[in-house]
PDB file of all heavy atoms in Angstrom:
ATOM      1  N   GLU A   1      -0.276  11.600  -6.775  1.00  0.00           N
ATOM      2  CA  GLU A   1      -0.115  11.701  -5.333  1.00  0.00           C
ATOM      3  C   GLU A   1      -1.386  11.347  -4.590  1.00  0.00           C
ATOM      4  O   GLU A   1      -1.371  10.683  -3.564  1.00  0.00           O
ATOM      5  CB  GLU A   1       0.387  13.085  -4.934  1.00  0.00           C
ATOM      6  CG  GLU A   1       1.819  13.372  -5.407  1.00  0.00           C
ATOM      7  CD  GLU A   1       2.260  14.791  -5.236  1.00  0.00           C
ATOM      8  OE1 GLU A   1       1.467  15.633  -4.716  1.00  0.00           O
ATOM      9  OE2 GLU A   1       3.401  15.107  -5.620  1.00  0.00           O
ATOM     10  N   ASN A   2      -2.541  11.756  -5.135  1.00  0.00           N
ATOM     11  CA  ASN A   2      -3.800  11.431  -4.522  1.00  0.00           C
ATOM     12  C   ASN A   2      -4.058   9.938  -4.529  1.00  0.00           C
ATOM     13  O   ASN A   2      -4.530   9.376  -3.540  1.00  0.00           O
ATOM     14  CB  ASN A   2      -4.948  12.215  -5.217  1.00  0.00           C
ATOM     15  CG  ASN A   2      -6.274  11.928  -4.554  1.00  0.00           C
ATOM     16  OD1 ASN A   2      -7.090  11.187  -5.126  1.00  0.00           O
ATOM     17  ND2 ASN A   2      -6.507  12.488  -3.411  1.00  0.00           N
ATOM     18  N   VAL A   3      -3.781   9.296  -5.661  1.00  0.00           N
ATOM     19  CA  VAL A   3      -3.979   7.832  -5.743  1.00  0.00           C
ATOM     20  C   VAL A   3      -3.099   7.162  -4.686  1.00  0.00           C
ATOM     21  O   VAL A   3      -3.563   6.239  -3.977  1.00  0.00           O
ATOM     22  CB  VAL A   3      -3.644   7.314  -7.153  1.00  0.00           C
ATOM     23  CG1 VAL A   3      -3.487   5.801  -7.196  1.00  0.00           C
ATOM     24  CG2 VAL A   3      -4.695   7.761  -8.144  1.00  0.00           C
ATOM     25  N   LEU A   4      -1.847   7.569  -4.572  1.00  0.00           N
ATOM     26  CA  LEU A   4      -0.962   6.951  -3.593  1.00  0.00           C
ATOM     27  C   LEU A   4      -1.459   7.218  -2.154  1.00  0.00           C
ATOM     28  O   LEU A   4      -1.395   6.302  -1.308  1.00  0.00           O
ATOM     29  CB  LEU A   4       0.456   7.444  -3.773  1.00  0.00           C
ATOM     30  CG  LEU A   4       1.113   7.038  -5.106  1.00  0.00           C
ATOM     31  CD1 LEU A   4       2.464   7.724  -5.259  1.00  0.00           C
ATOM     32  CD2 LEU A   4       1.220   5.560  -5.250  1.00  0.00           C
ATOM     33  N   ASP A   5      -1.984   8.409  -1.910  1.00  0.00           N
ATOM     34  CA  ASP A   5      -2.558   8.721  -0.604  1.00  0.00           C
ATOM     35  C   ASP A   5      -3.758   7.830  -0.286  1.00  0.00           C
ATOM     36  O   ASP A   5      -3.929   7.336   0.835  1.00  0.00           O
ATOM     37  CB  ASP A   5      -2.942  10.196  -0.510  1.00  0.00           C
ATOM     38  CG  ASP A   5      -1.777  11.153  -0.425  1.00  0.00           C
ATOM     39  OD1 ASP A   5      -0.648  10.676  -0.129  1.00  0.00           O
ATOM     40  OD2 ASP A   5      -1.987  12.359  -0.671  1.00  0.00           O
ATOM     41  N   VAL A   6      -4.610   7.638  -1.283  1.00  0.00           N
ATOM     42  CA  VAL A   6      -5.807   6.792  -1.091  1.00  0.00           C
ATOM     43  C   VAL A   6      -5.386   5.337  -0.818  1.00  0.00           C
ATOM     44  O   VAL A   6      -5.929   4.686   0.096  1.00  0.00           O
ATOM     45  CB  VAL A   6      -6.732   6.892  -2.326  1.00  0.00           C
ATOM     46  CG1 VAL A   6      -7.817   5.798  -2.287  1.00  0.00           C
ATOM     47  CG2 VAL A   6      -7.353   8.265  -2.406  1.00  0.00           C
ATOM     48  N   LEU A   7      -4.408   4.824  -1.571  1.00  0.00           N
ATOM     49  CA  LEU A   7      -3.922   3.488  -1.323  1.00  0.00           C
ATOM     50  C   LEU A   7      -3.309   3.374   0.074  1.00  0.00           C
ATOM     51  O   LEU A   7      -3.590   2.408   0.797  1.00  0.00           O
ATOM     52  CB  LEU A   7      -2.892   3.069  -2.382  1.00  0.00           C
ATOM     53  CG  LEU A   7      -3.449   2.690  -3.761  1.00  0.00           C
ATOM     54  CD1 LEU A   7      -2.318   2.580  -4.751  1.00  0.00           C
ATOM     55  CD2 LEU A   7      -4.255   1.427  -3.687  1.00  0.00           C
ATOM     56  N   ARG A   8      -2.481   4.331   0.424  1.00  0.00           N
ATOM     57  CA  ARG A   8      -1.891   4.310   1.774  1.00  0.00           C
ATOM     58  C   ARG A   8      -2.934   4.360   2.872  1.00  0.00           C
ATOM     59  O   ARG A   8      -2.843   3.627   3.863  1.00  0.00           O
ATOM     60  CB  ARG A   8      -0.886   5.475   1.911  1.00  0.00           C
ATOM     61  CG  ARG A   8      -0.201   5.551   3.249  1.00  0.00           C
ATOM     62  CD  ARG A   8       0.561   4.275   3.517  1.00  0.00           C
ATOM     63  NE  ARG A   8       0.962   4.204   4.902  1.00  0.00           N
ATOM     64  CZ  ARG A   8       2.066   3.618   5.309  1.00  0.00           C
ATOM     65  NH1 ARG A   8       2.854   3.065   4.448  1.00  0.00           N
ATOM     66  NH2 ARG A   8       2.341   3.582   6.562  1.00  0.00           N
ATOM     67  N   GLY A   9      -3.929   5.196   2.688  1.00  0.00           N
ATOM     68  CA  GLY A   9      -5.012   5.260   3.655  1.00  0.00           C
ATOM     69  C   GLY A   9      -5.736   3.937   3.784  1.00  0.00           C
ATOM     70  O   GLY A   9      -6.110   3.506   4.896  1.00  0.00           O
ATOM     71  N   GLY A  10      -5.980   3.273   2.660  1.00  0.00           N
ATOM     72  CA  GLY A  10      -6.639   1.976   2.662  1.00  0.00           C
ATOM     73  C   GLY A  10      -5.783   0.910   3.350  1.00  0.00           C
ATOM     74  O   GLY A  10      -6.293   0.044   4.058  1.00  0.00           O
ATOM     75  N   ILE A  11      -4.471   0.969   3.140  1.00  0.00           N
ATOM     76  CA  ILE A  11      -3.560   0.060   3.802  1.00  0.00           C
ATOM     77  C   ILE A  11      -3.628   0.271   5.314  1.00  0.00           C
ATOM     78  O   ILE A  11      -3.805  -0.679   6.100  1.00  0.00           O
ATOM     79  CB  ILE A  11      -2.112   0.192   3.292  1.00  0.00           C
ATOM     80  CG1 ILE A  11      -2.018  -0.262   1.834  1.00  0.00           C
ATOM     81  CG2 ILE A  11      -1.120  -0.563   4.165  1.00  0.00           C
ATOM     82  CD1 ILE A  11      -0.734   0.117   1.135  1.00  0.00           C
ATOM     83  N   ASP A  12      -3.519   1.539   5.731  1.00  0.00           N
ATOM     84  CA  ASP A  12      -3.562   1.864   7.145  1.00  0.00           C
ATOM     85  C   ASP A  12      -4.876   1.441   7.795  1.00  0.00           C
ATOM     86  O   ASP A  12      -4.899   0.865   8.894  1.00  0.00           O
ATOM     87  CB  ASP A  12      -3.328   3.362   7.381  1.00  0.00           C
ATOM     88  CG  ASP A  12      -1.921   3.808   7.042  1.00  0.00           C
ATOM     89  OD1 ASP A  12      -1.018   2.915   6.966  1.00  0.00           O
ATOM     90  OD2 ASP A  12      -1.696   5.000   6.891  1.00  0.00           O
ATOM     91  N   SER A  13      -6.007   1.706   7.121  1.00  0.00           N
ATOM     92  CA  SER A  13      -7.317   1.344   7.649  1.00  0.00           C
ATOM     93  C   SER A  13      -7.474  -0.161   7.765  1.00  0.00           C
ATOM     94  O   SER A  13      -8.004  -0.656   8.770  1.00  0.00           O
ATOM     95  CB  SER A  13      -8.440   1.874   6.734  1.00  0.00           C
ATOM     96  OG  SER A  13      -8.452   3.259   6.740  1.00  0.00           O
ATOM     97  N   THR A  14      -6.961  -0.912   6.778  1.00  0.00           N
ATOM     98  CA  THR A  14      -7.062  -2.375   6.834  1.00  0.00           C
ATOM     99  C   THR A  14      -6.212  -2.923   7.949  1.00  0.00           C
ATOM    100  O   THR A  14      -6.669  -3.803   8.706  1.00  0.00           O
ATOM    101  CB  THR A  14      -6.666  -2.974   5.472  1.00  0.00           C
ATOM    102  OG1 THR A  14      -7.463  -2.397   4.439  1.00  0.00           O
ATOM    103  CG2 THR A  14      -6.831  -4.481   5.472  1.00  0.00           C
ATOM    104  N   LEU A  15      -4.996  -2.394   8.087  1.00  0.00           N
ATOM    105  CA  LEU A  15      -4.148  -2.858   9.198  1.00  0.00           C
ATOM    106  C   LEU A  15      -4.793  -2.554  10.544  1.00  0.00           C
ATOM    107  O   LEU A  15      -4.761  -3.393  11.470  1.00  0.00           O
ATOM    108  CB  LEU A  15      -2.758  -2.180   9.097  1.00  0.00           C
ATOM    109  CG  LEU A  15      -1.881  -2.655   7.917  1.00  0.00           C
ATOM    110  CD1 LEU A  15      -0.622  -1.798   7.853  1.00  0.00           C
ATOM    111  CD2 LEU A  15      -1.534  -4.136   8.075  1.00  0.00           C
ATOM    112  N   LEU A  16      -5.367  -1.390  10.683  1.00  0.00           N
ATOM    113  CA  LEU A  16      -6.049  -1.005  11.914  1.00  0.00           C
ATOM    114  C   LEU A  16      -7.181  -1.984  12.196  1.00  0.00           C
ATOM    115  O   LEU A  16      -7.343  -2.457  13.337  1.00  0.00           O
ATOM    116  CB  LEU A  16      -6.544   0.438  11.811  1.00  0.00           C
ATOM    117  CG  LEU A  16      -7.252   0.987  13.056  1.00  0.00           C
ATOM    118  CD1 LEU A  16      -6.281   1.059  14.243  1.00  0.00           C
ATOM    119  CD2 LEU A  16      -7.839   2.357  12.755  1.00  0.00           C
ATOM    120  N   GLY A  17      -7.969  -2.277  11.171  1.00  0.00           N
ATOM    121  CA  GLY A  17      -9.099  -3.204  11.340  1.00  0.00           C
ATOM    122  C   GLY A  17      -8.652  -4.598  11.719  1.00  0.00           C
ATOM    123  O   GLY A  17      -9.375  -5.340  12.412  1.00  0.00           O
ATOM    124  N   LEU A  18      -7.467  -4.997  11.299  1.00  0.00           N
ATOM    125  CA  LEU A  18      -6.942  -6.307  11.642  1.00  0.00           C
ATOM    126  C   LEU A  18      -6.202  -6.320  12.983  1.00  0.00           C
ATOM    127  O   LEU A  18      -5.760  -7.349  13.453  1.00  0.00           O
ATOM    128  CB  LEU A  18      -5.959  -6.793  10.525  1.00  0.00           C
ATOM    129  CG  LEU A  18      -6.598  -7.152   9.207  1.00  0.00           C
ATOM    130  CD1 LEU A  18      -5.501  -7.373   8.143  1.00  0.00           C
ATOM    131  CD2 LEU A  18      -7.474  -8.393   9.321  1.00  0.00           C
ATOM    132  N   GLY A  19      -6.012  -5.124  13.534  1.00  0.00           N
ATOM    133  CA  GLY A  19      -5.249  -5.025  14.793  1.00  0.00           C
ATOM    134  C   GLY A  19      -3.766  -5.216  14.609  1.00  0.00           C
ATOM    135  O   GLY A  19      -3.068  -5.679  15.523  1.00  0.00           O
ATOM    136  N   LYS A  20      -3.245  -4.819  13.460  1.00  0.00           N
ATOM    137  CA  LYS A  20      -1.819  -4.987  13.161  1.00  0.00           C
ATOM    138  C   LYS A  20      -1.147  -3.621  13.161  1.00  0.00           C
ATOM    139  O   LYS A  20      -1.691  -2.627  12.670  1.00  0.00           O
ATOM    140  CB  LYS A  20      -1.617  -5.614  11.775  1.00  0.00           C
ATOM    141  CG  LYS A  20      -2.354  -6.910  11.543  1.00  0.00           C
ATOM    142  CD  LYS A  20      -1.791  -8.040  12.416  1.00  0.00           C
ATOM    143  CE  LYS A  20      -2.564  -9.328  12.142  1.00  0.00           C
ATOM    144  NZ  LYS A  20      -2.045 -10.450  12.869  1.00  0.00           N
ATOM    145  N   ALA A  21       0.078  -3.586  13.651  1.00  0.00           N
ATOM    146  CA  ALA A  21       0.853  -2.335  13.715  1.00  0.00           C
ATOM    147  C   ALA A  21       1.553  -2.057  12.402  1.00  0.00           C
ATOM    148  O   ALA A  21       1.872  -0.910  12.121  1.00  0.00           O
ATOM    149  CB  ALA A  21       1.872  -2.402  14.836  1.00  0.00           C
ATOM    150  N   GLY A  22       1.765  -3.073  11.584  1.00  0.00           N
ATOM    151  CA  GLY A  22       2.461  -2.869  10.290  1.00  0.00           C
ATOM    152  C   GLY A  22       2.311  -4.107   9.443  1.00  0.00           C
ATOM    153  O   GLY A  22       1.879  -5.179   9.905  1.00  0.00           O
ATOM    154  N   VAL A  23       2.746  -3.994   8.185  1.00  0.00           N
ATOM    155  CA  VAL A  23       2.585  -5.108   7.241  1.00  0.00           C
ATOM    156  C   VAL A  23       3.456  -6.316   7.642  1.00  0.00           C
ATOM    157  O   VAL A  23       3.143  -7.448   7.258  1.00  0.00           O
ATOM    158  CB  VAL A  23       2.884  -4.669   5.800  1.00  0.00           C
ATOM    159  CG1 VAL A  23       1.851  -3.648   5.319  1.00  0.00           C
ATOM    160  CG2 VAL A  23       4.308  -4.146   5.626  1.00  0.00           C
ATOM    161  N   GLY A  24       4.508  -6.096   8.408  1.00  0.00           N
ATOM    162  CA  GLY A  24       5.375  -7.200   8.846  1.00  0.00           C
ATOM    163  C   GLY A  24       4.666  -8.169   9.795  1.00  0.00           C
ATOM    164  O   GLY A  24       5.127  -9.278   9.982  1.00  0.00           O
ATOM    165  N   GLU A  25       3.536  -7.755  10.331  1.00  0.00           N
ATOM    166  CA  GLU A  25       2.775  -8.616  11.241  1.00  0.00           C
ATOM    167  C   GLU A  25       1.721  -9.469  10.509  1.00  0.00           C
ATOM    168  O   GLU A  25       1.048 -10.268  11.128  1.00  0.00           O
ATOM    169  CB  GLU A  25       2.080  -7.781  12.301  1.00  0.00           C
ATOM    170  CG  GLU A  25       3.021  -7.082  13.244  1.00  0.00           C
ATOM    171  CD  GLU A  25       2.278  -6.235  14.309  1.00  0.00           C
ATOM    172  OE1 GLU A  25       1.055  -6.336  14.407  1.00  0.00           O
ATOM    173  OE2 GLU A  25       2.969  -5.483  15.017  1.00  0.00           O
ATOM    174  N   LEU A  26       1.572  -9.278   9.225  1.00  0.00           N
ATOM    175  CA  LEU A  26       0.544  -9.993   8.467  1.00  0.00           C
ATOM    176  C   LEU A  26       0.896 -11.452   8.269  1.00  0.00           C
ATOM    177  O   LEU A  26       2.082 -11.808   8.140  1.00  0.00           O
ATOM    178  CB  LEU A  26       0.331  -9.330   7.091  1.00  0.00           C
ATOM    179  CG  LEU A  26      -0.257  -7.924   7.114  1.00  0.00           C
ATOM    180  CD1 LEU A  26      -0.130  -7.280   5.733  1.00  0.00           C
ATOM    181  CD2 LEU A  26      -1.695  -7.967   7.586  1.00  0.00           C
ATOM    182  N   SER A  27      -0.125 -12.269   8.180  1.00  0.00           N
ATOM    183  CA  SER A  27       0.043 -13.699   7.848  1.00  0.00           C
ATOM    184  C   SER A  27      -1.147 -14.151   7.021  1.00  0.00           C
ATOM    185  O   SER A  27      -2.167 -13.432   6.902  1.00  0.00           O
ATOM    186  CB  SER A  27       0.181 -14.565   9.107  1.00  0.00           C
ATOM    187  OG  SER A  27      -1.110 -14.701   9.703  1.00  0.00           O
ATOM    188  N   ARG A  28      -1.047 -15.320   6.477  1.00  0.00           N
ATOM    189  CA  ARG A  28      -2.152 -15.850   5.661  1.00  0.00           C
ATOM    190  C   ARG A  28      -3.427 -15.988   6.472  1.00  0.00           C
ATOM    191  O   ARG A  28      -4.522 -15.974   5.917  1.00  0.00           O
ATOM    192  CB  ARG A  28      -1.767 -17.200   5.084  1.00  0.00           C
ATOM    193  CG  ARG A  28      -0.751 -17.045   3.954  1.00  0.00           C
ATOM    194  CD  ARG A  28      -0.528 -18.332   3.251  1.00  0.00           C
ATOM    195  NE  ARG A  28       0.521 -18.130   2.271  1.00  0.00           N
ATOM    196  CZ  ARG A  28       1.099 -19.094   1.582  1.00  0.00           C
ATOM    197  NH1 ARG A  28       0.732 -20.338   1.761  1.00  0.00           N
ATOM    198  NH2 ARG A  28       2.043 -18.803   0.717  1.00  0.00           N
ATOM    199  N   ASP A  29      -3.311 -16.144   7.767  1.00  0.00           N
ATOM    200  CA  ASP A  29      -4.499 -16.265   8.619  1.00  0.00           C
ATOM    201  C   ASP A  29      -5.341 -14.985   8.607  1.00  0.00           C
ATOM    202  O   ASP A  29      -6.503 -15.020   9.011  1.00  0.00           O
ATOM    203  CB  ASP A  29      -4.093 -16.594  10.042  1.00  0.00           C
ATOM    204  CG  ASP A  29      -3.503 -17.982  10.198  1.00  0.00           C
ATOM    205  OD1 ASP A  29      -3.796 -18.862   9.350  1.00  0.00           O
ATOM    206  OD2 ASP A  29      -2.738 -18.208  11.161  1.00  0.00           O
ATOM    207  N   ASP A  30      -4.767 -13.880   8.133  1.00  0.00           N
ATOM    208  CA  ASP A  30      -5.500 -12.621   8.075  1.00  0.00           C
ATOM    209  C   ASP A  30      -6.385 -12.520   6.838  1.00  0.00           C
ATOM    210  O   ASP A  30      -7.165 -11.547   6.732  1.00  0.00           O
ATOM    211  CB  ASP A  30      -4.518 -11.447   8.078  1.00  0.00           C
ATOM    212  CG  ASP A  30      -3.748 -11.351   9.397  1.00  0.00           C
ATOM    213  OD1 ASP A  30      -4.387 -11.525  10.445  1.00  0.00           O
ATOM    214  OD2 ASP A  30      -2.538 -11.156   9.349  1.00  0.00           O
ATOM    215  N   VAL A  31      -6.310 -13.481   5.944  1.00  0.00           N
ATOM    216  CA  VAL A  31      -7.144 -13.489   4.736  1.00  0.00           C
ATOM    217  C   VAL A  31      -8.108 -14.642   4.827  1.00  0.00           C
ATOM    218  O   VAL A  31      -7.701 -15.803   4.863  1.00  0.00           O
ATOM    219  CB  VAL A  31      -6.276 -13.606   3.451  1.00  0.00           C
ATOM    220  CG1 VAL A  31      -7.144 -13.565   2.207  1.00  0.00           C
ATOM    221  CG2 VAL A  31      -5.230 -12.503   3.408  1.00  0.00           C
ATOM    222  N   VAL A  32      -9.385 -14.345   4.893  1.00  0.00           N
ATOM    223  CA  VAL A  32     -10.402 -15.382   5.015  1.00  0.00           C
ATOM    224  C   VAL A  32     -11.103 -15.580   3.664  1.00  0.00           C
ATOM    225  O   VAL A  32     -11.787 -14.632   3.189  1.00  0.00           O
ATOM    226  CB  VAL A  32     -11.438 -15.022   6.120  1.00  0.00           C
ATOM    227  CG1 VAL A  32     -12.483 -16.090   6.256  1.00  0.00           C
ATOM    228  CG2 VAL A  32     -10.697 -14.759   7.434  1.00  0.00           C
ATOM    229  N   VAL A  33     -10.912 -16.714   3.081  1.00  0.00           N
ATOM    230  CA  VAL A  33     -11.548 -17.053   1.811  1.00  0.00           C
ATOM    231  C   VAL A  33     -11.955 -18.525   1.839  1.00  0.00           C
ATOM    232  O   VAL A  33     -11.386 -19.318   2.630  1.00  0.00           O
ATOM    233  CB  VAL A  33     -10.608 -16.824   0.603  1.00  0.00           C
ATOM    234  CG1 VAL A  33     -10.282 -15.340   0.448  1.00  0.00           C
ATOM    235  CG2 VAL A  33      -9.354 -17.626   0.724  1.00  0.00           C
ATOM    236  N   PRO A  34     -12.887 -18.945   1.005  1.00  0.00           N
ATOM    237  CA  PRO A  34     -13.214 -20.388   0.943  1.00  0.00           C
ATOM    238  C   PRO A  34     -12.020 -21.192   0.487  1.00  0.00           C
ATOM    239  O   PRO A  34     -11.172 -20.695  -0.306  1.00  0.00           O
ATOM    240  CB  PRO A  34     -14.352 -20.457  -0.089  1.00  0.00           C
ATOM    241  CG  PRO A  34     -14.706 -19.062  -0.450  1.00  0.00           C
ATOM    242  CD  PRO A  34     -13.661 -18.149   0.087  1.00  0.00           C
ATOM    243  N   PRO A  35     -11.894 -22.444   0.912  1.00  0.00           N
ATOM    244  CA  PRO A  35     -10.723 -23.261   0.542  1.00  0.00           C
ATOM    245  C   PRO A  35     -10.519 -23.376  -0.974  1.00  0.00           C
ATOM    246  O   PRO A  35      -9.401 -23.435  -1.438  1.00  0.00           O
ATOM    247  CB  PRO A  35     -11.024 -24.652   1.134  1.00  0.00           C
ATOM    248  CG  PRO A  35     -12.064 -24.401   2.172  1.00  0.00           C
ATOM    249  CD  PRO A  35     -12.794 -23.154   1.784  1.00  0.00           C
ATOM    250  N   GLU A  36     -11.583 -23.403  -1.760  1.00  0.00           N
ATOM    251  CA  GLU A  36     -11.418 -23.570  -3.206  1.00  0.00           C
ATOM    252  C   GLU A  36     -11.056 -22.285  -3.919  1.00  0.00           C
ATOM    253  O   GLU A  36     -10.899 -22.249  -5.145  1.00  0.00           O
ATOM    254  CB  GLU A  36     -12.729 -24.141  -3.825  1.00  0.00           C
ATOM    255  CG  GLU A  36     -13.948 -23.250  -3.725  1.00  0.00           C
ATOM    256  CD  GLU A  36     -14.688 -23.339  -2.371  1.00  0.00           C
ATOM    257  OE1 GLU A  36     -14.272 -24.102  -1.463  1.00  0.00           O
ATOM    258  OE2 GLU A  36     -15.695 -22.648  -2.243  1.00  0.00           O
ATOM    259  N   PHE A  37     -10.862 -21.185  -3.191  1.00  0.00           N
ATOM    260  CA  PHE A  37     -10.504 -19.917  -3.781  1.00  0.00           C
ATOM    261  C   PHE A  37      -9.156 -19.963  -4.461  1.00  0.00           C
ATOM    262  O   PHE A  37      -8.941 -19.447  -5.525  1.00  0.00           O
ATOM    263  CB  PHE A  37     -10.508 -18.822  -2.703  1.00  0.00           C
ATOM    264  CG  PHE A  37     -10.092 -17.464  -3.216  1.00  0.00           C
ATOM    265  CD1 PHE A  37     -10.990 -16.641  -3.845  1.00  0.00           C
ATOM    266  CD2 PHE A  37      -8.792 -17.033  -3.010  1.00  0.00           C
ATOM    267  CE1 PHE A  37     -10.594 -15.391  -4.316  1.00  0.00           C
ATOM    268  CE2 PHE A  37      -8.382 -15.771  -3.462  1.00  0.00           C
ATOM    269  CZ  PHE A  37      -9.280 -14.963  -4.125  1.00  0.00           C
TER     270      PHE A  37
END
């Protein structure tokens, strides 16, 4: 349960940092990596 809580907290924090209300708003533009990645 603790592991799941930590993962959920990390998901929520990341969404907050991206300015997204939920995972349904995510797009590839939210992931910044070099083209050769």
